[in-house]
Amino acid sequence: MSTIPTIDMVKTGQNIIRLRKEKGLTVKELQTAFGFETPQAIYKWQHGTALPSVDNLVILAALLEVQVDEILVVSQVG
């Protein structure tokens, strides 16, 4: 049986925090860049309770100056 790749939401969140800090960006700056009313979505991404939509993932990658696959942490299940 083949293994199925899944996104590790917690590790992806930790990755978003690390990449954001490496770029010197604050949560508030990301909130402003996305045009969000509140920072809750970004905190959910960082805590691993939600993932960015595909559109937001592409924008996040551009803001962090990385490829999308550098944000997502994929683990193999199976």
N, C-alpha and C. Protein backbone atom coordinates (compact mmCIF):
# COMPACT_ATOMS: atom_id res chain seq x y z
N MET A 1 0.84 -1.19 0.00
CA MET A 1 0.00 0.00 0.00
C MET A 1 0.89 1.26 0.00
N SER A 2 0.49 2.23 -0.76
CA SER A 2 1.30 3.44 -0.85
C SER A 2 0.99 4.39 0.31
N THR A 3 1.93 5.26 0.58
CA THR A 3 1.73 6.23 1.65
C THR A 3 1.01 7.46 1.10
N ILE A 4 0.24 8.09 1.96
CA ILE A 4 -0.55 9.25 1.56
C ILE A 4 0.04 10.49 2.24
N PRO A 5 0.45 11.49 1.46
CA PRO A 5 0.99 12.70 2.09
C PRO A 5 -0.12 13.53 2.73
N THR A 6 0.14 14.02 3.93
CA THR A 6 -0.79 14.90 4.61
C THR A 6 -0.03 16.13 5.12
N ILE A 7 -0.74 17.23 5.24
CA ILE A 7 -0.13 18.45 5.74
C ILE A 7 -0.17 18.41 7.27
N ASP A 8 1.00 18.57 7.88
CA ASP A 8 1.09 18.66 9.34
C ASP A 8 0.79 20.11 9.71
N MET A 9 -0.42 20.35 10.22
CA MET A 9 -0.87 21.72 10.46
C MET A 9 -0.06 22.42 11.55
N VAL A 10 0.29 21.70 12.61
CA VAL A 10 1.05 22.32 13.70
C VAL A 10 2.45 22.70 13.23
N LYS A 11 3.13 21.78 12.55
CA LYS A 11 4.48 22.07 12.05
C LYS A 11 4.45 23.15 10.98
N THR A 12 3.41 23.17 10.17
CA THR A 12 3.26 24.23 9.17
C THR A 12 3.10 25.57 9.88
N GLY A 13 2.30 25.59 10.95
CA GLY A 13 2.14 26.82 11.73
C GLY A 13 3.45 27.31 12.32
N GLN A 14 4.23 26.37 12.86
CA GLN A 14 5.54 26.72 13.41
C GLN A 14 6.44 27.26 12.31
N ASN A 15 6.32 26.69 11.15
CA ASN A 15 7.10 27.13 9.99
C ASN A 15 6.72 28.56 9.60
N ILE A 16 5.42 28.86 9.61
CA ILE A 16 4.95 30.21 9.27
C ILE A 16 5.53 31.22 10.26
N ILE A 17 5.53 30.86 11.55
CA ILE A 17 6.11 31.76 12.56
C ILE A 17 7.59 32.00 12.26
N ARG A 18 8.32 30.92 12.03
CA ARG A 18 9.77 31.03 11.77
C ARG A 18 10.05 31.89 10.54
N LEU A 19 9.34 31.61 9.45
CA LEU A 19 9.56 32.37 8.21
C LEU A 19 9.18 33.83 8.38
N ARG A 20 8.09 34.10 9.10
CA ARG A 20 7.65 35.48 9.33
C ARG A 20 8.71 36.24 10.11
N LYS A 21 9.24 35.60 11.16
CA LYS A 21 10.26 36.26 11.98
C LYS A 21 11.55 36.47 11.20
N GLU A 22 11.92 35.49 10.36
CA GLU A 22 13.12 35.63 9.53
C GLU A 22 13.01 36.82 8.59
N LYS A 23 11.80 37.10 8.11
CA LYS A 23 11.57 38.26 7.22
C LYS A 23 11.40 39.55 8.01
N GLY A 24 11.33 39.44 9.35
CA GLY A 24 11.16 40.63 10.18
C GLY A 24 9.76 41.20 10.10
N LEU A 25 8.78 40.35 9.81
CA LEU A 25 7.39 40.81 9.70
C LEU A 25 6.62 40.51 10.99
N THR A 26 5.73 41.41 11.36
CA THR A 26 4.86 41.19 12.51
C THR A 26 3.54 40.60 12.03
N VAL A 27 2.78 40.05 12.97
CA VAL A 27 1.44 39.54 12.65
C VAL A 27 0.60 40.71 12.12
N LYS A 28 0.74 41.87 12.73
CA LYS A 28 -0.02 43.06 12.31
C LYS A 28 0.31 43.42 10.86
N GLU A 29 1.57 43.33 10.48
CA GLU A 29 1.96 43.64 9.10
C GLU A 29 1.34 42.64 8.12
N LEU A 30 1.30 41.37 8.50
CA LEU A 30 0.65 40.37 7.63
C LEU A 30 -0.84 40.65 7.55
N GLN A 31 -1.45 40.96 8.68
CA GLN A 31 -2.88 41.28 8.72
C GLN A 31 -3.18 42.42 7.75
N THR A 32 -2.37 43.45 7.79
CA THR A 32 -2.56 44.61 6.90
C THR A 32 -2.37 44.20 5.44
N ALA A 33 -1.34 43.41 5.16
CA ALA A 33 -1.06 42.99 3.79
C ALA A 33 -2.22 42.18 3.21
N PHE A 34 -2.86 41.35 4.05
CA PHE A 34 -3.99 40.54 3.59
C PHE A 34 -5.30 41.31 3.62
N GLY A 35 -5.32 42.45 4.28
CA GLY A 35 -6.55 43.23 4.38
C GLY A 35 -7.56 42.63 5.34
N PHE A 36 -7.05 41.86 6.32
CA PHE A 36 -7.93 41.24 7.31
C PHE A 36 -8.35 42.27 8.34
N GLU A 37 -9.59 42.17 8.81
CA GLU A 37 -10.11 43.06 9.87
C GLU A 37 -9.40 42.80 11.20
N THR A 38 -9.14 41.51 11.47
CA THR A 38 -8.49 41.11 12.71
C THR A 38 -7.34 40.15 12.38
N PRO A 39 -6.44 39.92 13.32
CA PRO A 39 -5.32 39.00 13.06
C PRO A 39 -5.67 37.54 13.32
N GLN A 40 -6.94 37.24 13.64
CA GLN A 40 -7.30 35.88 14.06
C GLN A 40 -6.91 34.80 13.06
N ALA A 41 -7.11 35.04 11.78
CA ALA A 41 -6.77 34.03 10.77
C ALA A 41 -5.28 33.70 10.82
N ILE A 42 -4.46 34.71 10.95
CA ILE A 42 -3.01 34.50 10.98
C ILE A 42 -2.62 33.71 12.23
N TYR A 43 -3.24 34.06 13.37
CA TYR A 43 -2.95 33.31 14.60
C TYR A 43 -3.39 31.85 14.46
N LYS A 44 -4.51 31.61 13.79
CA LYS A 44 -4.96 30.23 13.57
C LYS A 44 -3.96 29.47 12.70
N TRP A 45 -3.44 30.13 11.67
CA TRP A 45 -2.42 29.49 10.83
C TRP A 45 -1.21 29.13 11.69
N GLN A 46 -0.77 30.09 12.52
CA GLN A 46 0.44 29.90 13.32
C GLN A 46 0.25 28.83 14.40
N HIS A 47 -0.95 28.70 14.92
CA HIS A 47 -1.20 27.71 15.96
C HIS A 47 -1.53 26.34 15.38
N GLY A 48 -1.69 26.27 14.06
CA GLY A 48 -1.97 24.99 13.42
C GLY A 48 -3.42 24.55 13.54
N THR A 49 -4.32 25.50 13.82
CA THR A 49 -5.75 25.14 13.90
C THR A 49 -6.46 25.40 12.58
N ALA A 50 -5.78 26.06 11.65
CA ALA A 50 -6.33 26.30 10.30
C ALA A 50 -5.17 26.48 9.34
N LEU A 51 -5.46 26.25 8.07
CA LEU A 51 -4.47 26.48 7.02
C LEU A 51 -4.94 27.64 6.14
N PRO A 52 -3.99 28.38 5.58
CA PRO A 52 -4.39 29.43 4.63
C PRO A 52 -5.07 28.79 3.42
N SER A 53 -6.02 29.52 2.82
CA SER A 53 -6.60 29.05 1.56
C SER A 53 -5.49 29.03 0.51
N VAL A 54 -5.74 28.39 -0.59
CA VAL A 54 -4.72 28.32 -1.65
C VAL A 54 -4.33 29.74 -2.09
N ASP A 55 -5.32 30.61 -2.29
CA ASP A 55 -5.02 31.99 -2.68
C ASP A 55 -4.14 32.68 -1.65
N ASN A 56 -4.51 32.55 -0.37
CA ASN A 56 -3.74 33.19 0.69
C ASN A 56 -2.36 32.56 0.85
N LEU A 57 -2.24 31.27 0.58
CA LEU A 57 -0.95 30.60 0.64
C LEU A 57 0.01 31.18 -0.40
N VAL A 58 -0.50 31.44 -1.58
CA VAL A 58 0.31 32.02 -2.66
C VAL A 58 0.77 33.44 -2.26
N ILE A 59 -0.14 34.21 -1.68
CA ILE A 59 0.19 35.56 -1.23
C ILE A 59 1.21 35.50 -0.10
N LEU A 60 0.99 34.59 0.85
CA LEU A 60 1.92 34.45 1.98
C LEU A 60 3.31 34.09 1.49
N ALA A 61 3.40 33.19 0.53
CA ALA A 61 4.70 32.81 -0.04
C ALA A 61 5.39 34.03 -0.66
N ALA A 62 4.62 34.85 -1.36
CA ALA A 62 5.20 36.05 -1.97
C ALA A 62 5.70 37.02 -0.89
N LEU A 63 4.90 37.22 0.16
CA LEU A 63 5.29 38.12 1.24
C LEU A 63 6.54 37.63 1.97
N LEU A 64 6.64 36.31 2.13
CA LEU A 64 7.77 35.72 2.84
C LEU A 64 8.96 35.45 1.91
N GLU A 65 8.73 35.66 0.61
CA GLU A 65 9.75 35.44 -0.42
C GLU A 65 10.28 34.00 -0.41
N VAL A 66 9.32 33.06 -0.34
CA VAL A 66 9.64 31.64 -0.41
C VAL A 66 8.66 30.96 -1.37
N GLN A 67 8.93 29.70 -1.68
CA GLN A 67 8.00 28.91 -2.48
C GLN A 67 6.91 28.35 -1.56
N VAL A 68 5.75 28.08 -2.11
CA VAL A 68 4.64 27.54 -1.32
C VAL A 68 5.07 26.27 -0.58
N ASP A 69 5.83 25.40 -1.24
CA ASP A 69 6.22 24.14 -0.60
C ASP A 69 7.23 24.33 0.52
N GLU A 70 7.78 25.54 0.65
CA GLU A 70 8.66 25.84 1.78
C GLU A 70 7.85 26.23 3.02
N ILE A 71 6.57 26.52 2.84
CA ILE A 71 5.69 26.89 3.96
C ILE A 71 5.05 25.63 4.54
N LEU A 72 4.53 24.79 3.66
CA LEU A 72 3.80 23.59 4.09
C LEU A 72 4.77 22.51 4.56
N VAL A 73 4.41 21.85 5.66
CA VAL A 73 5.18 20.71 6.16
C VAL A 73 4.32 19.47 5.90
N VAL A 74 4.82 18.60 5.03
CA VAL A 74 4.08 17.42 4.62
C VAL A 74 4.69 16.19 5.27
N SER A 75 3.83 15.34 5.84
CA SER A 75 4.29 14.08 6.38
C SER A 75 3.59 12.94 5.64
N GLN A 76 4.21 11.80 5.65
CA GLN A 76 3.68 10.62 4.96
C GLN A 76 2.90 9.76 5.94
N VAL A 77 1.68 9.40 5.58
CA VAL A 77 0.85 8.54 6.41
C VAL A 77 0.55 7.28 5.62
N GLY A 78 0.58 6.15 6.27
CA GLY A 78 0.23 4.94 5.57
C GLY A 78 1.05 3.80 5.94
